[in-house]
Amino acid sequence: MKMISPYLSFETERLILKPFEISDAPFLLILLNSPKWLQYIGDRNVHTEAEAVEYIQVRMITQLEKLGYGNNLVIEKESNIPIGACGLYERPGLPIVDIGFAFLQEYEGKGYGYEAASRLLKAGKEDFGLQKVCAITTKENVTSQKLIDKLGLKFIKIITIEGDKENLMYFEKEL
């Protein structure tokens, strides 16, 4: 019998957003090692399904249990296929909750990122009581910058996060 997660899932017209579970490790392994993830987000050193399970347990479920929100698997409703991730994150080095997203390349440019992130911004305010969110991206990741702008976040400054060698663009939005 499959356990029902006590954490919130969300739906949009075309998508289901549900917290990552251990059973999602095979998809996460693919996403974390996709070319654009490696180029713009960085290598998380997750190269086996067992490492993906550990990543979900340590990085995702821990935050979910602590805050009630975190990283969500994004599933296309019509096909029931996982296509990416979108979440609200508490990140060391950032002053407020960060919204982030990543999709497999074949699902980019179809509006899924905007649809998923818009729904999570609404949930951030209505379900989790957040007053403000931020987003970060590299200067080279123009696609993410466009989505961040479309979501209404405004560029504030260039930052560096401890342990990260790259300068990042930092954006914020009042909810």
Foldseek 3Di string as FASTA:
>chain_A
DDDDDPFDWDDDPFKIWDFDDLVCLVVVLCQLPAPVNCVKVRRPVQNDSVSSSVCCVPVGVVVCVVQRWFKIFIAGVVVRHTFWIWTWDDDAQDPHIEIDIGGHPVPPPPCPVLRVSLVVVVCCCPVRNDFKYKYKTAPPPVSVVVSCVVSPWAWDDWDDGPPGPGIITMTMDTD
